[in-house]
Amino acid sequence: LIQMFGKTVLGVDGDLFEEALEAAKDAKKVTVDTDLAAADLKKLVKQFKKIVEAEAGREFPQDARDQMDLAINAVFDSWNTDRAKLYR
């Protein structure tokens, strides 16, 4: 959720999340996400939140209503992009 929301709604570079995920897997010597333990994933969540704060200039919203409002605004903001026009 944090990765997708950060990338799609807050405009955070998705590569930053992927780099953090790959580093976590490398540290545990695993190749797939599902091989990370719950404790590893908790650390990764903290890293993802730090990435969002550093790149978006705001904390990841904890309130579901805030998340929804931001997501709706992102949809409206993207309405007239070339990609959206192409899909319509």
C-alpha atoms as a PDB file:
ATOM      1  CA  LEU A   1       0.000   0.000   0.000  1.00  0.00           C
ATOM      2  CA  ILE A   2       2.702   2.478   0.968  1.00  0.00           C
ATOM      3  CA  GLN A   3       4.723   1.781  -2.156  1.00  0.00           C
ATOM      4  CA  MET A   4       1.775   2.051  -4.555  1.00  0.00           C
ATOM      5  CA  PHE A   5       0.258   5.060  -2.799  1.00  0.00           C
ATOM      6  CA  GLY A   6       3.593   6.835  -2.601  1.00  0.00           C
ATOM      7  CA  LYS A   7       4.261   6.285  -6.274  1.00  0.00           C
ATOM      8  CA  THR A   8       0.791   6.837  -7.699  1.00  0.00           C
ATOM      9  CA  VAL A   9      -0.684   9.464  -5.410  1.00  0.00           C
ATOM     10  CA  LEU A  10       2.295  11.310  -3.963  1.00  0.00           C
ATOM     11  CA  GLY A  11       4.581  11.104  -6.991  1.00  0.00           C
ATOM     12  CA  VAL A  12       7.458   9.319  -5.255  1.00  0.00           C
ATOM     13  CA  ASP A  13       9.934   7.609  -7.585  1.00  0.00           C
ATOM     14  CA  GLY A  14       9.019   3.916  -7.498  1.00  0.00           C
ATOM     15  CA  ASP A  15      12.648   2.905  -7.933  1.00  0.00           C
ATOM     16  CA  LEU A  16      13.372   4.126  -4.405  1.00  0.00           C
ATOM     17  CA  PHE A  17      10.951   1.569  -2.976  1.00  0.00           C
ATOM     18  CA  GLU A  18      12.318  -1.174  -5.212  1.00  0.00           C
ATOM     19  CA  GLU A  19      15.876  -0.385  -4.113  1.00  0.00           C
ATOM     20  CA  ALA A  20      14.863  -0.633  -0.446  1.00  0.00           C
ATOM     21  CA  LEU A  21      13.085  -3.927  -1.099  1.00  0.00           C
ATOM     22  CA  GLU A  22      16.046  -5.374  -2.974  1.00  0.00           C
ATOM     23  CA  ALA A  23      18.401  -4.286  -0.182  1.00  0.00           C
ATOM     24  CA  ALA A  24      16.185  -6.034   2.386  1.00  0.00           C
ATOM     25  CA  LYS A  25      16.165  -9.231   0.319  1.00  0.00           C
ATOM     26  CA  ASP A  26      19.927  -9.059  -0.217  1.00  0.00           C
ATOM     27  CA  ALA A  27      20.511  -8.597   3.514  1.00  0.00           C
ATOM     28  CA  LYS A  28      18.528 -11.768   4.236  1.00  0.00           C
ATOM     29  CA  LYS A  29      19.945 -13.605   1.223  1.00  0.00           C
ATOM     30  CA  VAL A  30      16.503 -14.288  -0.275  1.00  0.00           C
ATOM     31  CA  THR A  31      15.304 -13.736  -3.812  1.00  0.00           C
ATOM     32  CA  VAL A  32      11.543 -13.352  -3.410  1.00  0.00           C
ATOM     33  CA  ASP A  33       9.551 -10.923  -1.277  1.00  0.00           C
ATOM     34  CA  THR A  34       7.534 -13.679   0.391  1.00  0.00           C
ATOM     35  CA  ASP A  35      10.702 -15.149   1.907  1.00  0.00           C
ATOM     36  CA  LEU A  36      11.157 -12.078   4.102  1.00  0.00           C
ATOM     37  CA  ALA A  37      10.090 -12.599   7.714  1.00  0.00           C
ATOM     38  CA  ALA A  38       7.453 -10.461   9.405  1.00  0.00           C
ATOM     39  CA  ALA A  39      10.166  -8.579  11.310  1.00  0.00           C
ATOM     40  CA  ASP A  40      11.937  -7.806   8.035  1.00  0.00           C
ATOM     41  CA  LEU A  41       8.709  -6.510   6.525  1.00  0.00           C
ATOM     42  CA  LYS A  42       8.082  -4.298   9.556  1.00  0.00           C
ATOM     43  CA  LYS A  43      11.510  -2.728   9.035  1.00  0.00           C
ATOM     44  CA  LEU A  44      10.732  -2.301   5.350  1.00  0.00           C
ATOM     45  CA  VAL A  45       7.465  -0.514   6.177  1.00  0.00           C
ATOM     46  CA  LYS A  46       9.426   1.955   8.307  1.00  0.00           C
ATOM     47  CA  GLN A  47      11.872   2.489   5.442  1.00  0.00           C
ATOM     48  CA  PHE A  48       9.021   3.011   2.979  1.00  0.00           C
ATOM     49  CA  LYS A  49       7.470   5.609   5.285  1.00  0.00           C
ATOM     50  CA  LYS A  50      10.817   7.414   5.519  1.00  0.00           C
ATOM     51  CA  ILE A  51      11.084   7.391   1.729  1.00  0.00           C
ATOM     52  CA  VAL A  52       7.608   8.920   1.431  1.00  0.00           C
ATOM     53  CA  GLU A  53       8.392  11.622   3.970  1.00  0.00           C
ATOM     54  CA  ALA A  54      11.738  12.486   2.380  1.00  0.00           C
ATOM     55  CA  GLU A  55      10.474  12.528  -1.195  1.00  0.00           C
ATOM     56  CA  ALA A  56       6.906  13.805  -0.810  1.00  0.00           C
ATOM     57  CA  GLY A  57       7.624  16.236   2.000  1.00  0.00           C
ATOM     58  CA  ARG A  58       4.903  14.766   4.177  1.00  0.00           C
ATOM     59  CA  GLU A  59       4.290  11.722   6.316  1.00  0.00           C
ATOM     60  CA  PHE A  60       2.369   8.798   4.895  1.00  0.00           C
ATOM     61  CA  PRO A  61      -1.260   9.476   5.879  1.00  0.00           C
ATOM     62  CA  GLN A  62      -2.540   7.063   8.523  1.00  0.00           C
ATOM     63  CA  ASP A  63      -6.175   8.110   8.283  1.00  0.00           C
ATOM     64  CA  ALA A  64      -8.161   6.204   5.634  1.00  0.00           C
ATOM     65  CA  ARG A  65     -10.201   9.308   4.807  1.00  0.00           C
ATOM     66  CA  ASP A  66      -7.032  11.318   4.176  1.00  0.00           C
ATOM     67  CA  GLN A  67      -5.733   8.536   1.935  1.00  0.00           C
ATOM     68  CA  MET A  68      -8.989   8.484  -0.008  1.00  0.00           C
ATOM     69  CA  ASP A  69      -9.086  12.266  -0.411  1.00  0.00           C
ATOM     70  CA  LEU A  70      -5.508  12.330  -1.685  1.00  0.00           C
ATOM     71  CA  ALA A  71      -6.198   9.456  -4.084  1.00  0.00           C
ATOM     72  CA  ILE A  72      -9.301  11.183  -5.460  1.00  0.00           C
ATOM     73  CA  ASN A  73      -7.339  14.395  -5.970  1.00  0.00           C
ATOM     74  CA  ALA A  74      -4.628  12.436  -7.792  1.00  0.00           C
ATOM     75  CA  VAL A  75      -7.256  11.052 -10.183  1.00  0.00           C
ATOM     76  CA  PHE A  76      -8.596  14.525 -10.912  1.00  0.00           C
ATOM     77  CA  ASP A  77      -5.067  15.888 -11.326  1.00  0.00           C
ATOM     78  CA  SER A  78      -4.291  13.201 -13.892  1.00  0.00           C
ATOM     79  CA  TRP A  79      -7.529  13.644 -15.859  1.00  0.00           C
ATOM     80  CA  ASN A  80      -6.022  15.717 -18.674  1.00  0.00           C
ATOM     81  CA  THR A  81      -2.665  13.987 -18.980  1.00  0.00           C
ATOM     82  CA  ASP A  82      -1.760  12.508 -22.354  1.00  0.00           C
ATOM     83  CA  ARG A  83      -2.000   9.009 -20.927  1.00  0.00           C
ATOM     84  CA  ALA A  84      -5.520   9.577 -19.571  1.00  0.00           C
ATOM     85  CA  LYS A  85      -6.663  11.089 -22.859  1.00  0.00           C
ATOM     86  CA  LEU A  86      -5.265   8.109 -24.742  1.00  0.00           C
ATOM     87  CA  TYR A  87      -7.181   5.678 -22.521  1.00  0.00           C
ATOM     88  CA  ARG A  88     -10.424   7.573 -23.104  1.00  0.00           C
END
